Amino acid sequence: MPTDDSMLCAKCLASIPFVNPPFCRACGGDNDGALEVCRHCLRMERPWENALAVARMNGLARVLIHRMKYRDDTPLARTWGVLAAQRLAQEGLRHDLIVP
């Protein structure tokens, strides 16, 4: 569960559509089946081994990401960085790269 280090209020944190286990080992999103990868990733090639998503790209997550990317709301980069770091620590994973 995210902490208040993300600079979001409790109501906003609660409304972000976080991705929860089981994760797809390919895209890092929700895994909707019994395999290690989701049905979408079964059909695609990828140049990476594992990925982990913080949230689904809808609702408040989409609004915040679009504000950061298209309205130059750069403080939100820290928010997403904190959320990503918390997710990595929660899952006990090391990372090579974090991308928006």
C-alpha atoms as a PDB file:
ATOM      1  CA  MET A   1       0.000   0.000   0.000  1.00  0.00           C
ATOM      2  CA  PRO A   2       1.403   3.440  -0.907  1.00  0.00           C
ATOM      3  CA  THR A   3       2.449   5.850   1.793  1.00  0.00           C
ATOM      4  CA  ASP A   4       1.923   9.591   2.001  1.00  0.00           C
ATOM      5  CA  ASP A   5       5.465  10.110   0.603  1.00  0.00           C
ATOM      6  CA  SER A   6       3.755  10.224  -2.788  1.00  0.00           C
ATOM      7  CA  MET A   7       2.338  13.704  -2.005  1.00  0.00           C
ATOM      8  CA  LEU A   8      -1.215  12.521  -2.769  1.00  0.00           C
ATOM      9  CA  CYS A   9      -4.093  12.699  -0.339  1.00  0.00           C
ATOM     10  CA  ALA A  10      -5.630   9.471   0.965  1.00  0.00           C
ATOM     11  CA  LYS A  11      -8.720   9.909  -1.230  1.00  0.00           C
ATOM     12  CA  CYS A  12      -6.599  10.271  -4.389  1.00  0.00           C
ATOM     13  CA  LEU A  13      -4.381   7.315  -3.466  1.00  0.00           C
ATOM     14  CA  ALA A  14      -7.474   5.189  -2.907  1.00  0.00           C
ATOM     15  CA  SER A  15      -8.843   6.069  -6.352  1.00  0.00           C
ATOM     16  CA  ILE A  16      -5.708   5.155  -8.346  1.00  0.00           C
ATOM     17  CA  PRO A  17      -6.250   1.836 -10.147  1.00  0.00           C
ATOM     18  CA  PHE A  18      -3.114   0.104  -8.841  1.00  0.00           C
ATOM     19  CA  VAL A  19      -2.087  -3.186 -10.454  1.00  0.00           C
ATOM     20  CA  ASN A  20      -2.111  -6.024  -7.945  1.00  0.00           C
ATOM     21  CA  PRO A  21      -0.738  -9.559  -8.065  1.00  0.00           C
ATOM     22  CA  PRO A  22      -0.710 -11.754  -9.967  1.00  0.00           C
ATOM     23  CA  PHE A  23       1.359  -9.690 -12.418  1.00  0.00           C
ATOM     24  CA  CYS A  24       2.066 -10.495 -16.031  1.00  0.00           C
ATOM     25  CA  ARG A  25       5.833 -11.120 -16.196  1.00  0.00           C
ATOM     26  CA  ALA A  26       5.995  -9.455 -19.601  1.00  0.00           C
ATOM     27  CA  CYS A  27       4.079  -6.172 -19.310  1.00  0.00           C
ATOM     28  CA  GLY A  28       3.767  -5.926 -15.532  1.00  0.00           C
ATOM     29  CA  GLY A  29       0.018  -5.460 -15.697  1.00  0.00           C
ATOM     30  CA  ASP A  30      -2.783  -7.624 -14.424  1.00  0.00           C
ATOM     31  CA  ASN A  31      -2.401 -11.271 -15.334  1.00  0.00           C
ATOM     32  CA  ASP A  32      -5.734 -12.623 -16.425  1.00  0.00           C
ATOM     33  CA  GLY A  33      -4.780 -16.270 -16.805  1.00  0.00           C
ATOM     34  CA  ALA A  34      -2.880 -19.211 -15.411  1.00  0.00           C
ATOM     35  CA  LEU A  35       0.301 -18.580 -17.437  1.00  0.00           C
ATOM     36  CA  GLU A  36       3.196 -16.283 -16.486  1.00  0.00           C
ATOM     37  CA  VAL A  37       2.107 -13.752 -19.108  1.00  0.00           C
ATOM     38  CA  CYS A  38      -1.276 -12.218 -19.900  1.00  0.00           C
ATOM     39  CA  ARG A  39      -3.253 -13.034 -23.041  1.00  0.00           C
ATOM     40  CA  HIS A  40      -2.096  -9.824 -24.753  1.00  0.00           C
ATOM     41  CA  CYS A  41       1.603 -10.543 -24.185  1.00  0.00           C
ATOM     42  CA  LEU A  42       1.288 -14.111 -25.437  1.00  0.00           C
ATOM     43  CA  ARG A  43       0.918 -12.628 -28.934  1.00  0.00           C
ATOM     44  CA  MET A  44       3.822 -10.163 -28.898  1.00  0.00           C
ATOM     45  CA  GLU A  45       7.601 -10.224 -28.937  1.00  0.00           C
ATOM     46  CA  ARG A  46       9.371  -8.102 -26.349  1.00  0.00           C
ATOM     47  CA  PRO A  47      12.997  -7.071 -25.822  1.00  0.00           C
ATOM     48  CA  TRP A  48      12.802  -7.335 -22.009  1.00  0.00           C
ATOM     49  CA  GLU A  49      12.410 -10.170 -19.525  1.00  0.00           C
ATOM     50  CA  ASN A  50      10.228  -8.712 -16.778  1.00  0.00           C
ATOM     51  CA  ALA A  51       8.185  -5.586 -16.217  1.00  0.00           C
ATOM     52  CA  LEU A  52       6.099  -4.261 -13.355  1.00  0.00           C
ATOM     53  CA  ALA A  53       3.381  -1.638 -13.717  1.00  0.00           C
ATOM     54  CA  VAL A  54       2.336   0.658 -10.896  1.00  0.00           C
ATOM     55  CA  ALA A  55      -1.195   1.376 -12.099  1.00  0.00           C
ATOM     56  CA  ARG A  56      -3.589   0.762 -14.947  1.00  0.00           C
ATOM     57  CA  MET A  57      -3.758   3.623 -17.440  1.00  0.00           C
ATOM     58  CA  ASN A  58      -7.272   4.780 -16.608  1.00  0.00           C
ATOM     59  CA  GLY A  59      -9.121   6.929 -14.098  1.00  0.00           C
ATOM     60  CA  LEU A  60      -7.012   9.180 -11.898  1.00  0.00           C
ATOM     61  CA  ALA A  61      -3.771   7.498 -13.000  1.00  0.00           C
ATOM     62  CA  ARG A  62      -4.427   8.574 -16.589  1.00  0.00           C
ATOM     63  CA  VAL A  63      -5.291  12.116 -15.519  1.00  0.00           C
ATOM     64  CA  LEU A  64      -2.120  12.456 -13.432  1.00  0.00           C
ATOM     65  CA  ILE A  65       0.152  10.958 -16.076  1.00  0.00           C
ATOM     66  CA  HIS A  66      -1.297  13.241 -18.745  1.00  0.00           C
ATOM     67  CA  ARG A  67      -0.853  16.264 -16.473  1.00  0.00           C
ATOM     68  CA  MET A  68       2.784  15.311 -15.928  1.00  0.00           C
ATOM     69  CA  LYS A  69       3.528  14.591 -19.589  1.00  0.00           C
ATOM     70  CA  TYR A  70       1.456  17.146 -21.487  1.00  0.00           C
ATOM     71  CA  ARG A  71       1.001  20.021 -19.033  1.00  0.00           C
ATOM     72  CA  ASP A  72       4.553  20.035 -17.687  1.00  0.00           C
ATOM     73  CA  ASP A  73       3.402  19.253 -14.137  1.00  0.00           C
ATOM     74  CA  THR A  74       6.879  18.020 -13.203  1.00  0.00           C
ATOM     75  CA  PRO A  75       6.249  17.558  -9.439  1.00  0.00           C
ATOM     76  CA  LEU A  76       4.107  14.575 -10.435  1.00  0.00           C
ATOM     77  CA  ALA A  77       7.281  12.845 -11.636  1.00  0.00           C
ATOM     78  CA  ARG A  78       8.341  12.581  -7.991  1.00  0.00           C
ATOM     79  CA  THR A  79       4.921  11.197  -7.088  1.00  0.00           C
ATOM     80  CA  TRP A  80       5.157   8.442  -9.715  1.00  0.00           C
ATOM     81  CA  GLY A  81       8.784   7.782  -8.791  1.00  0.00           C
ATOM     82  CA  VAL A  82       7.834   7.247  -5.150  1.00  0.00           C
ATOM     83  CA  LEU A  83       4.933   4.976  -6.125  1.00  0.00           C
ATOM     84  CA  ALA A  84       7.195   2.962  -8.445  1.00  0.00           C
ATOM     85  CA  ALA A  85       9.920   2.643  -5.785  1.00  0.00           C
ATOM     86  CA  GLN A  86       7.349   1.506  -3.225  1.00  0.00           C
ATOM     87  CA  ARG A  87       5.981  -1.112  -5.631  1.00  0.00           C
ATOM     88  CA  LEU A  88       9.480  -2.438  -6.410  1.00  0.00           C
ATOM     89  CA  ALA A  89      10.350  -2.650  -2.715  1.00  0.00           C
ATOM     90  CA  GLN A  90       7.012  -4.285  -1.904  1.00  0.00           C
ATOM     91  CA  GLU A  91       7.640  -6.976  -4.506  1.00  0.00           C
ATOM     92  CA  GLY A  92      11.317  -7.355  -3.547  1.00  0.00           C
ATOM     93  CA  LEU A  93      12.501  -6.592  -7.065  1.00  0.00           C
ATOM     94  CA  ARG A  94      15.652  -4.937  -8.393  1.00  0.00           C
ATOM     95  CA  HIS A  95      15.323  -2.733 -11.430  1.00  0.00           C
ATOM     96  CA  ASP A  96      17.489  -1.866 -14.403  1.00  0.00           C
ATOM     97  CA  LEU A  97      15.288   0.908 -15.701  1.00  0.00           C
ATOM     98  CA  ILE A  98      12.197   2.883 -14.696  1.00  0.00           C
ATOM     99  CA  VAL A  99      10.170   4.391 -17.540  1.00  0.00           C
ATOM    100  CA  PRO A 100       7.038   6.523 -17.515  1.00  0.00           C
END
